[in-house]
C-alpha atoms as a PDB file:
ATOM      1  CA  MET A   1      -0.045  -0.037   0.039  1.00  0.00           C
ATOM      2  CA  SER A   2       1.628   3.558  -0.888  1.00  0.00           C
ATOM      3  CA  GLU A   3       1.755   6.337   2.085  1.00  0.00           C
ATOM      4  CA  ASP A   4      -0.299   8.183   0.256  1.00  0.00           C
ATOM      5  CA  LYS A   5      -3.209   5.675   0.511  1.00  0.00           C
ATOM      6  CA  LYS A   6      -2.399   4.956   4.280  1.00  0.00           C
ATOM      7  CA  THR A   7      -5.042   6.947   6.843  1.00  0.00           C
ATOM      8  CA  GLU A   8      -3.610   9.163   8.686  1.00  0.00           C
ATOM      9  CA  TYR A   9      -3.747   9.993  12.409  1.00  0.00           C
ATOM     10  CA  VAL A  10      -2.506  12.251  14.816  1.00  0.00           C
ATOM     11  CA  LYS A  11      -0.156  10.535  17.546  1.00  0.00           C
ATOM     12  CA  ALA A  12      -0.893  12.440  21.171  1.00  0.00           C
ATOM     13  CA  THR A  13       1.630  11.614  24.414  1.00  0.00           C
ATOM     14  CA  ILE A  14       0.983  13.119  27.371  1.00  0.00           C
ATOM     15  CA  HIS A  15       4.324  13.879  29.152  1.00  0.00           C
ATOM     16  CA  THR A  16       3.770  13.107  33.143  1.00  0.00           C
ATOM     17  CA  THR A  17       4.961  10.817  35.347  1.00  0.00           C
ATOM     18  CA  THR A  18       3.515   7.586  37.073  1.00  0.00           C
ATOM     19  CA  GLN A  19       0.879   9.400  39.868  1.00  0.00           C
ATOM     20  CA  GLY A  20       0.082  11.708  36.627  1.00  0.00           C
ATOM     21  CA  ALA A  21      -0.379   8.788  34.659  1.00  0.00           C
ATOM     22  CA  GLU A  22      -2.994   7.165  37.034  1.00  0.00           C
ATOM     23  CA  ALA A  23      -5.031   9.904  37.279  1.00  0.00           C
ATOM     24  CA  LEU A  24      -5.085  10.275  33.463  1.00  0.00           C
ATOM     25  CA  THR A  25      -7.112   6.615  33.431  1.00  0.00           C
ATOM     26  CA  ALA A  26      -9.858   8.643  34.697  1.00  0.00           C
ATOM     27  CA  VAL A  27      -9.739  11.757  33.152  1.00  0.00           C
ATOM     28  CA  LEU A  28      -9.006  10.290  29.378  1.00  0.00           C
ATOM     29  CA  PRO A  29     -12.413   8.220  29.100  1.00  0.00           C
ATOM     30  CA  VAL A  30     -14.291  11.164  30.606  1.00  0.00           C
ATOM     31  CA  LEU A  31     -13.074  13.140  27.264  1.00  0.00           C
ATOM     32  CA  GLY A  32     -13.918  10.052  24.644  1.00  0.00           C
ATOM     33  CA  ILE A  33     -10.639   8.431  24.718  1.00  0.00           C
ATOM     34  CA  SER A  34     -10.772   4.888  25.361  1.00  0.00           C
ATOM     35  CA  GLY A  35      -7.568   3.220  24.550  1.00  0.00           C
ATOM     36  CA  HIS A  36      -4.212   4.915  25.852  1.00  0.00           C
ATOM     37  CA  SER A  37      -0.583   3.204  26.358  1.00  0.00           C
ATOM     38  CA  VAL A  38       1.844   4.169  29.101  1.00  0.00           C
ATOM     39  CA  GLU A  39       5.593   4.025  28.564  1.00  0.00           C
ATOM     40  CA  ASP A  40       7.087   4.585  32.128  1.00  0.00           C
ATOM     41  CA  PRO A  41      10.553   4.254  32.259  1.00  0.00           C
ATOM     42  CA  ALA A  42      10.660   2.393  35.725  1.00  0.00           C
ATOM     43  CA  ASP A  43       8.922  -0.740  34.116  1.00  0.00           C
ATOM     44  CA  LEU A  44      11.750  -0.406  31.586  1.00  0.00           C
ATOM     45  CA  ASP A  45      14.300  -0.991  34.510  1.00  0.00           C
ATOM     46  CA  PHE A  46      12.339  -3.973  35.732  1.00  0.00           C
ATOM     47  CA  ILE A  47      12.272  -5.334  32.306  1.00  0.00           C
ATOM     48  CA  ILE A  48      16.488  -4.733  31.700  1.00  0.00           C
ATOM     49  CA  ALA A  49      16.700  -5.986  35.298  1.00  0.00           C
ATOM     50  CA  SER A  50      14.612  -9.418  34.500  1.00  0.00           C
ATOM     51  CA  LYS A  51      16.454  -9.847  31.562  1.00  0.00           C
ATOM     52  CA  ASP A  52      19.029 -12.483  32.901  1.00  0.00           C
ATOM     53  CA  VAL A  53      16.162 -14.572  34.002  1.00  0.00           C
ATOM     54  CA  LEU A  54      15.656 -15.880  30.555  1.00  0.00           C
ATOM     55  CA  SER A  55      17.860 -15.825  27.376  1.00  0.00           C
ATOM     56  CA  TRP A  56      15.332 -13.985  25.475  1.00  0.00           C
ATOM     57  CA  ASP A  57      15.222 -10.470  25.920  1.00  0.00           C
ATOM     58  CA  TYR A  58      12.050  -8.351  26.308  1.00  0.00           C
ATOM     59  CA  VAL A  59      13.601  -4.993  25.089  1.00  0.00           C
ATOM     60  CA  ASP A  60      16.075  -3.976  22.295  1.00  0.00           C
ATOM     61  CA  CYS A  61      18.228  -1.212  24.393  1.00  0.00           C
ATOM     62  CA  SER A  62      19.477   0.797  22.164  1.00  0.00           C
ATOM     63  CA  LEU A  63      16.142   1.373  20.368  1.00  0.00           C
ATOM     64  CA  SER A  64      14.531   2.039  23.691  1.00  0.00           C
ATOM     65  CA  GLN A  65      17.424   4.597  24.160  1.00  0.00           C
ATOM     66  CA  GLU A  66      16.888   5.825  20.550  1.00  0.00           C
ATOM     67  CA  GLN A  67      13.248   7.059  21.507  1.00  0.00           C
ATOM     68  CA  GLY A  68      14.448   8.543  24.524  1.00  0.00           C
ATOM     69  CA  CYS A  69      13.176   6.003  27.459  1.00  0.00           C
ATOM     70  CA  ALA A  70      16.419   5.798  29.113  1.00  0.00           C
ATOM     71  CA  SER A  71      17.108   9.957  28.764  1.00  0.00           C
ATOM     72  CA  ASP A  72      14.777  10.345  31.334  1.00  0.00           C
ATOM     73  CA  ASN A  73      12.126   9.633  33.875  1.00  0.00           C
ATOM     74  CA  GLU A  74       9.214  10.932  32.864  1.00  0.00           C
ATOM     75  CA  VAL A  75       6.180   8.926  32.111  1.00  0.00           C
ATOM     76  CA  ARG A  76       4.633   8.880  28.447  1.00  0.00           C
ATOM     77  CA  VAL A  77       0.906   8.653  27.983  1.00  0.00           C
ATOM     78  CA  THR A  78      -0.050   7.929  24.189  1.00  0.00           C
ATOM     79  CA  PHE A  79      -3.371   7.740  21.983  1.00  0.00           C
ATOM     80  CA  TRP A  80      -4.410   8.234  18.867  1.00  0.00           C
ATOM     81  CA  LEU A  81      -7.341  10.223  17.275  1.00  0.00           C
ATOM     82  CA  GLU A  82      -8.375  11.161  13.920  1.00  0.00           C
ATOM     83  CA  LYS A  83      -6.515  13.471  11.521  1.00  0.00           C
ATOM     84  CA  GLU A  84      -8.879  16.356  12.418  1.00  0.00           C
ATOM     85  CA  ALA A  85      -8.874  16.446  15.737  1.00  0.00           C
ATOM     86  CA  GLY A  86      -8.232  20.190  16.571  1.00  0.00           C
ATOM     87  CA  ALA A  87     -11.703  20.931  18.906  1.00  0.00           C
ATOM     88  CA  LYS A  88     -10.008  17.297  21.026  1.00  0.00           C
ATOM     89  CA  LEU A  89      -6.714  18.531  21.173  1.00  0.00           C
ATOM     90  CA  GLN A  90      -8.043  21.709  23.118  1.00  0.00           C
ATOM     91  CA  GLU A  91     -10.412  19.895  25.095  1.00  0.00           C
ATOM     92  CA  ILE A  92      -7.845  17.961  25.976  1.00  0.00           C
ATOM     93  CA  ARG A  93      -5.019  20.762  26.858  1.00  0.00           C
ATOM     94  CA  VAL A  94      -7.790  22.251  29.190  1.00  0.00           C
ATOM     95  CA  ALA A  95      -8.173  18.740  30.753  1.00  0.00           C
ATOM     96  CA  LEU A  96      -4.749  19.280  31.472  1.00  0.00           C
ATOM     97  CA  LEU A  97      -4.804  22.349  32.735  1.00  0.00           C
ATOM     98  CA  LYS A  98      -7.720  21.641  35.378  1.00  0.00           C
ATOM     99  CA  LEU A  99      -5.818  18.399  36.299  1.00  0.00           C
ATOM    100  CA  LYS A 100      -2.384  20.316  37.099  1.00  0.00           C
ATOM    101  CA  SER A 101      -4.216  23.172  38.972  1.00  0.00           C
ATOM    102  CA  ASP A 102      -6.308  20.036  41.063  1.00  0.00           C
ATOM    103  CA  GLU A 103      -2.614  18.783  41.438  1.00  0.00           C
ATOM    104  CA  LEU A 104      -1.215  22.237  42.793  1.00  0.00           C
ATOM    105  CA  TYR A 105      -4.610  23.194  44.910  1.00  0.00           C
ATOM    106  CA  GLY A 106      -4.222  19.409  46.771  1.00  0.00           C
ATOM    107  CA  ILE A 107      -7.347  17.592  44.990  1.00  0.00           C
ATOM    108  CA  TYR A 108      -4.802  14.821  44.686  1.00  0.00           C
ATOM    109  CA  GLY A 109      -3.087  15.203  48.006  1.00  0.00           C
ATOM    110  CA  ASP A 110      -0.348  17.157  49.556  1.00  0.00           C
ATOM    111  CA  GLY A 111       2.689  15.073  47.962  1.00  0.00           C
ATOM    112  CA  ALA A 112       0.840  14.435  44.114  1.00  0.00           C
ATOM    113  CA  ASP A 113       3.421  15.195  41.892  1.00  0.00           C
ATOM    114  CA  PHE A 114       2.114  14.928  37.775  1.00  0.00           C
ATOM    115  CA  GLY A 115       5.153  16.205  36.217  1.00  0.00           C
ATOM    116  CA  ARG A 116       4.607  18.623  33.470  1.00  0.00           C
ATOM    117  CA  LEU A 117       1.462  17.518  31.649  1.00  0.00           C
ATOM    118  CA  TRP A 118       2.467  18.661  28.220  1.00  0.00           C
ATOM    119  CA  LEU A 119       0.624  17.830  25.412  1.00  0.00           C
ATOM    120  CA  ASP A 120       2.920  16.701  22.173  1.00  0.00           C
ATOM    121  CA  THR A 121       0.948  15.714  19.110  1.00  0.00           C
ATOM    122  CA  GLU A 122       2.410  14.037  15.381  1.00  0.00           C
ATOM    123  CA  ASN A 123       0.801  13.185  12.327  1.00  0.00           C
ATOM    124  CA  VAL A 124       1.252   9.349  11.671  1.00  0.00           C
ATOM    125  CA  TYR A 125       0.149   6.644   9.238  1.00  0.00           C
ATOM    126  CA  ASP A 126      -1.868   3.037   9.523  1.00  0.00           C
ATOM    127  CA  ASP A 127       1.777   1.441  10.087  1.00  0.00           C
ATOM    128  CA  TRP A 128       1.591   2.931  13.884  1.00  0.00           C
ATOM    129  CA  LYS A 129       0.244   0.165  15.435  1.00  0.00           C
ATOM    130  CA  ASP A 130       2.654  -2.494  14.826  1.00  0.00           C
ATOM    131  CA  LYS A 131       5.292  -0.130  15.773  1.00  0.00           C
ATOM    132  CA  TYR A 132       5.777  -2.002  19.294  1.00  0.00           C
ATOM    133  CA  LYS A 133       6.657  -5.142  17.775  1.00  0.00           C
ATOM    134  CA  GLU A 134      10.181  -3.466  17.760  1.00  0.00           C
ATOM    135  CA  SER A 135      10.660  -3.853  21.650  1.00  0.00           C
ATOM    136  CA  PHE A 136       8.366  -7.000  22.771  1.00  0.00           C
ATOM    137  CA  ARG A 137      10.630  -9.642  23.019  1.00  0.00           C
ATOM    138  CA  ALA A 138      10.027 -12.879  25.098  1.00  0.00           C
ATOM    139  CA  PHE A 139      10.241 -12.358  28.732  1.00  0.00           C
ATOM    140  CA  SER A 140       9.257 -14.268  31.920  1.00  0.00           C
ATOM    141  CA  PRO A 141       7.848 -11.653  34.146  1.00  0.00           C
ATOM    142  CA  CYS A 142       7.607 -14.012  37.435  1.00  0.00           C
ATOM    143  CA  GLU A 143       9.294 -17.400  38.492  1.00  0.00           C
ATOM    144  CA  GLY A 144       7.624 -20.165  36.595  1.00  0.00           C
ATOM    145  CA  VAL A 145       5.847 -17.739  33.968  1.00  0.00           C
ATOM    146  CA  PHE A 146       7.478 -17.263  29.985  1.00  0.00           C
ATOM    147  CA  VAL A 147       5.366 -14.443  28.143  1.00  0.00           C
ATOM    148  CA  VAL A 148       5.904 -14.982  24.182  1.00  0.00           C
ATOM    149  CA  PRO A 149       4.590 -12.426  21.315  1.00  0.00           C
ATOM    150  CA  PRO A 150       3.001 -14.545  18.894  1.00  0.00           C
ATOM    151  CA  TRP A 151       5.745 -13.441  16.153  1.00  0.00           C
ATOM    152  CA  GLU A 152       8.955 -15.164  18.354  1.00  0.00           C
ATOM    153  CA  ARG A 153       6.216 -18.599  18.899  1.00  0.00           C
ATOM    154  CA  ALA A 154       7.775 -20.479  16.549  1.00  0.00           C
ATOM    155  CA  GLU A 155      11.812 -19.807  18.002  1.00  0.00           C
ATOM    156  CA  CYS A 156      10.678 -20.084  21.334  1.00  0.00           C
ATOM    157  CA  THR A 157       9.168 -23.044  20.439  1.00  0.00           C
ATOM    158  CA  GLU A 158      12.244 -24.428  19.408  1.00  0.00           C
ATOM    159  CA  LYS A 159      14.840 -23.202  21.899  1.00  0.00           C
ATOM    160  CA  THR A 160      12.103 -24.920  24.662  1.00  0.00           C
ATOM    161  CA  SER A 161      12.166 -27.972  23.046  1.00  0.00           C
ATOM    162  CA  ASP A 162      15.971 -28.802  23.527  1.00  0.00           C
ATOM    163  CA  GLY A 163      15.827 -29.031  27.244  1.00  0.00           C
ATOM    164  CA  GLU A 164      17.152 -25.638  28.320  1.00  0.00           C
ATOM    165  CA  ARG A 165      13.449 -24.590  29.719  1.00  0.00           C
ATOM    166  CA  SER A 166      12.254 -26.310  33.125  1.00  0.00           C
ATOM    167  CA  LYS A 167       9.334 -28.351  32.517  1.00  0.00           C
ATOM    168  CA  GLY A 168       7.134 -26.727  34.335  1.00  0.00           C
ATOM    169  CA  LEU A 169       7.298 -23.863  33.147  1.00  0.00           C
ATOM    170  CA  LEU A 170       4.142 -21.729  32.025  1.00  0.00           C
ATOM    171  CA  THR A 171       3.915 -20.292  28.767  1.00  0.00           C
ATOM    172  CA  ILE A 172       2.030 -17.487  27.458  1.00  0.00           C
ATOM    173  CA  VAL A 173       1.545 -16.420  23.948  1.00  0.00           C
ATOM    174  CA  ILE A 174       0.269 -12.396  24.514  1.00  0.00           C
ATOM    175  CA  ASP A 175       0.237  -9.684  22.013  1.00  0.00           C
ATOM    176  CA  PRO A 176      -0.961  -6.760  23.919  1.00  0.00           C
ATOM    177  CA  GLY A 177      -1.624  -4.656  21.111  1.00  0.00           C
ATOM    178  CA  MET A 178      -4.543  -1.637  22.380  1.00  0.00           C
ATOM    179  CA  ALA A 179      -4.422  -3.233  25.843  1.00  0.00           C
ATOM    180  CA  PHE A 180      -2.848  -3.391  28.810  1.00  0.00           C
ATOM    181  CA  GLY A 181      -1.367  -6.332  30.117  1.00  0.00           C
ATOM    182  CA  THR A 182       2.026  -7.839  28.870  1.00  0.00           C
ATOM    183  CA  GLY A 183       3.249  -9.149  32.406  1.00  0.00           C
ATOM    184  CA  SER A 184       6.152  -6.019  32.490  1.00  0.00           C
ATOM    185  CA  HIS A 185       4.602  -3.921  34.729  1.00  0.00           C
ATOM    186  CA  GLU A 186       5.360  -4.410  37.981  1.00  0.00           C
ATOM    187  CA  THR A 187       1.230  -4.746  39.017  1.00  0.00           C
ATOM    188  CA  THR A 188       0.872  -7.377  36.379  1.00  0.00           C
ATOM    189  CA  SER A 189       3.540  -9.729  37.253  1.00  0.00           C
ATOM    190  CA  MET A 190       2.161  -9.422  41.194  1.00  0.00           C
ATOM    191  CA  CYS A 191      -0.744 -10.543  39.773  1.00  0.00           C
ATOM    192  CA  LEU A 192       0.655 -13.318  37.919  1.00  0.00           C
ATOM    193  CA  SER A 193       2.905 -14.226  40.219  1.00  0.00           C
ATOM    194  CA  LYS A 194      -0.124 -14.726  43.437  1.00  0.00           C
ATOM    195  CA  LEU A 195      -2.511 -15.978  40.773  1.00  0.00           C
ATOM    196  CA  LYS A 196      -0.006 -18.819  40.065  1.00  0.00           C
ATOM    197  CA  ALA A 197       0.293 -19.493  43.802  1.00  0.00           C
ATOM    198  CA  LEU A 198      -3.291 -19.682  44.393  1.00  0.00           C
ATOM    199  CA  ILE A 199      -5.121 -20.999  41.711  1.00  0.00           C
ATOM    200  CA  ARG A 200      -6.684 -25.072  41.777  1.00  0.00           C
ATOM    201  CA  PRO A 201      -7.876 -27.197  39.236  1.00  0.00           C
ATOM    202  CA  GLY A 202     -11.683 -26.549  38.377  1.00  0.00           C
ATOM    203  CA  ASP A 203     -11.444 -22.895  40.304  1.00  0.00           C
ATOM    204  CA  SER A 204     -14.210 -20.629  38.798  1.00  0.00           C
ATOM    205  CA  VAL A 205     -12.308 -16.513  38.387  1.00  0.00           C
ATOM    206  CA  LEU A 206     -13.453 -13.546  37.412  1.00  0.00           C
ATOM    207  CA  ASP A 207     -10.746 -11.038  35.957  1.00  0.00           C
ATOM    208  CA  ALA A 208     -12.305  -7.522  36.130  1.00  0.00           C
ATOM    209  CA  GLY A 209     -10.148  -5.344  33.665  1.00  0.00           C
ATOM    210  CA  THR A 210      -8.471  -8.123  31.919  1.00  0.00           C
ATOM    211  CA  GLY A 211      -6.720  -5.857  29.131  1.00  0.00           C
ATOM    212  CA  SER A 212      -4.786  -8.113  27.005  1.00  0.00           C
ATOM    213  CA  GLY A 213      -6.538 -10.942  28.822  1.00  0.00           C
ATOM    214  CA  ILE A 214      -3.223 -12.430  30.483  1.00  0.00           C
ATOM    215  CA  LEU A 215      -4.255 -13.025  33.607  1.00  0.00           C
ATOM    216  CA  ALA A 216      -8.228 -14.962  32.558  1.00  0.00           C
ATOM    217  CA  ILE A 217      -5.710 -16.800  30.083  1.00  0.00           C
ATOM    218  CA  THR A 218      -3.085 -18.048  32.961  1.00  0.00           C
ATOM    219  CA  ALA A 219      -6.037 -19.176  35.491  1.00  0.00           C
ATOM    220  CA  ALA A 220      -7.272 -21.427  32.495  1.00  0.00           C
ATOM    221  CA  LEU A 221      -3.975 -22.633  31.419  1.00  0.00           C
ATOM    222  CA  LEU A 222      -3.495 -23.123  35.438  1.00  0.00           C
ATOM    223  CA  GLY A 223      -6.487 -25.214  35.330  1.00  0.00           C
ATOM    224  CA  ALA A 224      -9.391 -23.312  36.165  1.00  0.00           C
ATOM    225  CA  THR A 225     -12.403 -24.419  33.961  1.00  0.00           C
ATOM    226  CA  ASP A 226     -14.869 -21.651  34.303  1.00  0.00           C
ATOM    227  CA  VAL A 227     -13.099 -17.747  33.646  1.00  0.00           C
ATOM    228  CA  VAL A 228     -14.834 -14.535  33.396  1.00  0.00           C
ATOM    229  CA  ALA A 229     -13.287 -11.730  31.582  1.00  0.00           C
ATOM    230  CA  VAL A 230     -14.667  -8.618  31.567  1.00  0.00           C
ATOM    231  CA  GLU A 231     -13.364  -5.454  29.408  1.00  0.00           C
ATOM    232  CA  ILE A 232     -14.862  -2.427  28.840  1.00  0.00           C
ATOM    233  CA  ASP A 233     -12.705  -0.943  26.351  1.00  0.00           C
ATOM    234  CA  ALA A 234     -13.243  -2.582  22.829  1.00  0.00           C
ATOM    235  CA  ASP A 235     -10.139  -2.236  21.512  1.00  0.00           C
ATOM    236  CA  ALA A 236      -8.487  -4.115  24.736  1.00  0.00           C
ATOM    237  CA  ALA A 237     -11.437  -6.576  24.492  1.00  0.00           C
ATOM    238  CA  GLU A 238     -10.236  -7.246  20.819  1.00  0.00           C
ATOM    239  CA  SER A 239      -6.909  -8.097  21.976  1.00  0.00           C
ATOM    240  CA  ALA A 240      -7.867 -10.080  24.756  1.00  0.00           C
ATOM    241  CA  ALA A 241      -9.886 -11.856  22.393  1.00  0.00           C
ATOM    242  CA  ARG A 242      -7.078 -12.935  19.915  1.00  0.00           C
ATOM    243  CA  ASN A 243      -4.733 -13.279  23.053  1.00  0.00           C
ATOM    244  CA  ILE A 244      -7.287 -16.626  24.372  1.00  0.00           C
ATOM    245  CA  GLU A 245      -7.588 -18.266  21.238  1.00  0.00           C
ATOM    246  CA  ALA A 246      -3.999 -18.130  20.224  1.00  0.00           C
ATOM    247  CA  ASN A 247      -3.453 -19.751  23.787  1.00  0.00           C
ATOM    248  CA  GLY A 248      -6.504 -22.256  23.442  1.00  0.00           C
ATOM    249  CA  ALA A 249      -8.436 -21.137  26.086  1.00  0.00           C
ATOM    250  CA  GLN A 250     -11.715 -20.759  24.612  1.00  0.00           C
ATOM    251  CA  GLU A 251     -13.511 -23.429  26.310  1.00  0.00           C
ATOM    252  CA  ALA A 252     -12.533 -22.006  29.605  1.00  0.00           C
ATOM    253  CA  VAL A 253     -12.552 -18.179  29.403  1.00  0.00           C
ATOM    254  CA  SER A 254     -16.054 -15.928  28.697  1.00  0.00           C
ATOM    255  CA  LEU A 255     -15.126 -13.045  27.784  1.00  0.00           C
ATOM    256  CA  VAL A 256     -17.914 -10.119  28.287  1.00  0.00           C
ATOM    257  CA  VAL A 257     -17.169  -6.505  26.981  1.00  0.00           C
ATOM    258  CA  GLY A 258     -19.267  -4.302  28.896  1.00  0.00           C
ATOM    259  CA  ASP A 259     -19.245  -2.193  32.314  1.00  0.00           C
ATOM    260  CA  ILE A 260     -18.874  -4.832  35.072  1.00  0.00           C
ATOM    261  CA  ALA A 261     -20.491  -1.716  37.653  1.00  0.00           C
ATOM    262  CA  LYS A 262     -23.920  -2.125  35.993  1.00  0.00           C
ATOM    263  CA  GLU A 263     -26.365  -4.444  36.108  1.00  0.00           C
ATOM    264  CA  ARG A 264     -26.764  -7.707  33.629  1.00  0.00           C
ATOM    265  CA  THR A 265     -23.441  -7.401  32.637  1.00  0.00           C
ATOM    266  CA  LEU A 266     -22.335 -10.326  34.722  1.00  0.00           C
ATOM    267  CA  PRO A 267     -25.012 -13.622  35.938  1.00  0.00           C
ATOM    268  CA  PRO A 268     -26.797 -12.689  38.758  1.00  0.00           C
ATOM    269  CA  ASP A 269     -26.085 -14.053  42.110  1.00  0.00           C
ATOM    270  CA  LYS A 270     -22.816 -16.371  40.593  1.00  0.00           C
ATOM    271  CA  GLN A 271     -19.752 -16.172  42.688  1.00  0.00           C
ATOM    272  CA  TYR A 272     -16.148 -16.970  41.998  1.00  0.00           C
ATOM    273  CA  ASP A 273     -13.332 -18.770  43.581  1.00  0.00           C
ATOM    274  CA  LEU A 274     -10.962 -15.841  42.719  1.00  0.00           C
ATOM    275  CA  ILE A 275     -11.526 -12.415  41.789  1.00  0.00           C
ATOM    276  CA  THR A 276      -8.196 -10.388  39.885  1.00  0.00           C
ATOM    277  CA  ALA A 277      -8.489  -6.668  39.471  1.00  0.00           C
ATOM    278  CA  ASN A 278      -5.627  -4.574  38.111  1.00  0.00           C
ATOM    279  CA  LEU A 279      -7.451  -1.251  37.877  1.00  0.00           C
ATOM    280  CA  SER A 280      -7.627   2.039  39.213  1.00  0.00           C
ATOM    281  CA  CYS A 281      -7.558   2.446  42.870  1.00  0.00           C
ATOM    282  CA  ALA A 282     -10.480   4.503  42.384  1.00  0.00           C
ATOM    283  CA  LEU A 283     -11.872   1.874  40.044  1.00  0.00           C
ATOM    284  CA  LEU A 284     -11.054  -0.420  42.913  1.00  0.00           C
ATOM    285  CA  GLU A 285     -13.014   1.426  45.148  1.00  0.00           C
ATOM    286  CA  ALA A 286     -16.276   1.779  43.379  1.00  0.00           C
ATOM    287  CA  LEU A 287     -16.176  -1.836  42.352  1.00  0.00           C
ATOM    288  CA  LEU A 288     -15.632  -3.349  45.682  1.00  0.00           C
ATOM    289  CA  PRO A 289     -19.065  -3.978  46.786  1.00  0.00           C
ATOM    290  CA  ALA A 290     -19.850  -5.764  43.775  1.00  0.00           C
ATOM    291  CA  PHE A 291     -16.727  -7.849  44.404  1.00  0.00           C
ATOM    292  CA  LYS A 292     -17.183  -8.394  47.869  1.00  0.00           C
ATOM    293  CA  SER A 293     -20.952  -9.822  46.745  1.00  0.00           C
ATOM    294  CA  ALA A 294     -19.505 -12.193  43.826  1.00  0.00           C
ATOM    295  CA  LEU A 295     -16.835 -13.519  46.107  1.00  0.00           C
ATOM    296  CA  LYS A 296     -17.672 -16.710  47.394  1.00  0.00           C
ATOM    297  CA  GLY A 297     -17.567 -17.325  50.688  1.00  0.00           C
ATOM    298  CA  LYS A 298     -13.855 -18.997  50.913  1.00  0.00           C
ATOM    299  CA  GLY A 299     -12.770 -17.088  48.109  1.00  0.00           C
ATOM    300  CA  THR A 300      -9.870 -14.843  47.418  1.00  0.00           C
ATOM    301  CA  MET A 301      -9.369 -11.358  45.404  1.00  0.00           C
ATOM    302  CA  ILE A 302      -6.030 -10.337  43.922  1.00  0.00           C
ATOM    303  CA  LEU A 303      -6.227  -6.575  43.707  1.00  0.00           C
ATOM    304  CA  SER A 304      -3.427  -4.399  42.193  1.00  0.00           C
ATOM    305  CA  GLY A 305      -2.851  -1.060  40.417  1.00  0.00           C
ATOM    306  CA  LEU A 306      -2.351   0.899  43.694  1.00  0.00           C
ATOM    307  CA  LEU A 307       0.429   2.692  44.217  1.00  0.00           C
ATOM    308  CA  ASP A 308       2.220   2.585  47.434  1.00  0.00           C
ATOM    309  CA  SER A 309       1.267   5.798  48.743  1.00  0.00           C
ATOM    310  CA  GLN A 310      -2.645   4.774  48.551  1.00  0.00           C
ATOM    311  CA  GLU A 311      -2.542   1.791  50.795  1.00  0.00           C
ATOM    312  CA  GLY A 312      -4.070   3.718  53.577  1.00  0.00           C
ATOM    313  CA  ARG A 313      -6.656   5.008  51.492  1.00  0.00           C
ATOM    314  CA  ALA A 314      -6.991   1.403  50.278  1.00  0.00           C
ATOM    315  CA  LEU A 315      -7.317  -0.585  53.212  1.00  0.00           C
ATOM    316  CA  GLN A 316      -9.726   2.045  55.110  1.00  0.00           C
ATOM    317  CA  VAL A 317     -12.249   0.909  52.128  1.00  0.00           C
ATOM    318  CA  LEU A 318     -11.123  -2.650  52.539  1.00  0.00           C
ATOM    319  CA  LYS A 319     -11.866  -2.200  56.558  1.00  0.00           C
ATOM    320  CA  ASN A 320     -15.421   0.169  55.393  1.00  0.00           C
ATOM    321  CA  GLU A 321     -16.510  -3.206  53.366  1.00  0.00           C
ATOM    322  CA  GLY A 322     -15.793  -5.528  55.957  1.00  0.00           C
ATOM    323  CA  LEU A 323     -12.885  -7.405  54.059  1.00  0.00           C
ATOM    324  CA  ARG A 324      -9.391  -8.696  55.173  1.00  0.00           C
ATOM    325  CA  PRO A 325      -5.994  -8.152  53.435  1.00  0.00           C
ATOM    326  CA  VAL A 326      -3.999 -10.991  54.456  1.00  0.00           C
ATOM    327  CA  HIS A 327      -0.771 -10.434  52.445  1.00  0.00           C
ATOM    328  CA  ILE A 328       0.412  -6.866  50.842  1.00  0.00           C
ATOM    329  CA  GLU A 329       2.955  -7.380  48.433  1.00  0.00           C
ATOM    330  CA  LYS A 330       5.338  -3.935  47.075  1.00  0.00           C
ATOM    331  CA  SER A 331       7.390  -3.564  43.992  1.00  0.00           C
ATOM    332  CA  GLY A 332       8.754  -0.552  42.760  1.00  0.00           C
ATOM    333  CA  GLU A 333       5.693   2.456  43.504  1.00  0.00           C
ATOM    334  CA  TRP A 334       3.214  -0.390  43.434  1.00  0.00           C
ATOM    335  CA  LEU A 335       0.786  -2.313  45.852  1.00  0.00           C
ATOM    336  CA  MET A 336      -1.140  -5.692  45.053  1.00  0.00           C
ATOM    337  CA  LEU A 337      -3.254  -6.942  47.876  1.00  0.00           C
ATOM    338  CA  GLU A 338      -4.371 -10.736  48.604  1.00  0.00           C
ATOM    339  CA  VAL A 339      -8.249  -9.907  50.171  1.00  0.00           C
ATOM    340  CA  HIS A 340     -10.506 -12.108  52.101  1.00  0.00           C
ATOM    341  CA  LYS A 341     -14.012 -12.028  53.164  1.00  0.00           C
END
């Protein structure tokens, strides 16, 4: 296809911090932006530190440096708009000014730091969706789990067949596309590790905000027979559907596209052995009553997407709901909570 026949988009990037990216996950959907990606240097540090766990690297470090990933500590939140997006971009700039004002006035707490909240734009063509493949490589997010992109599946299968890998290694094929959740982020890797430790054959699992589907797929591959994966974003759900099929998990995993907070999104009165939710603090707080109702008496919730600065707030909300955290894990700036009734 010649370049003049390709569809042109506006690539918009907001330069912020980890805290700012967390706040933007609530702001962007209100502006009609349903999908975005987050590039956090802290994630890159984690990936590079873990690259010797297996013989494949997740990133080409030289490529990342060329793109500026290693040159500063800013987090980049990126999304794409149609070419004629002048009015929408102005709406976004106004929202960023308000967000910065709220930060300065202490709405998000005295220690909040959202950084510059600067918006950059550039025009790109429709092959931008495949650019992430240049730096996404097979890697291990936690002990016993190996994540493989589809374009490296044949190579990894060949290497695992010669005895280089442990027989107990769980291999998951993931193409994130427009969805969150490759396993590289601390929140996902902590959830994967805890899920691997807790799951039992025949368990029922609810994965709220499934993203790429990685947690739901892992549950199915570990023996769960009734997994419901819920995703509100259509692009992310499309990625999850492809990943579920790529892993042969269609029989165990049911994908639901919709808002879990709304009635009739989930089967009424159904309860689960495990609930996984890697979401923002605000979303977890709003959904916690629904999760409590959907959890079996001796079931477990695995909750993440929380900053360590939000620990006190999270524990108070759990207490208010009559729920008790039995394990708290921290990685970088992030928390994972194992919660019981």
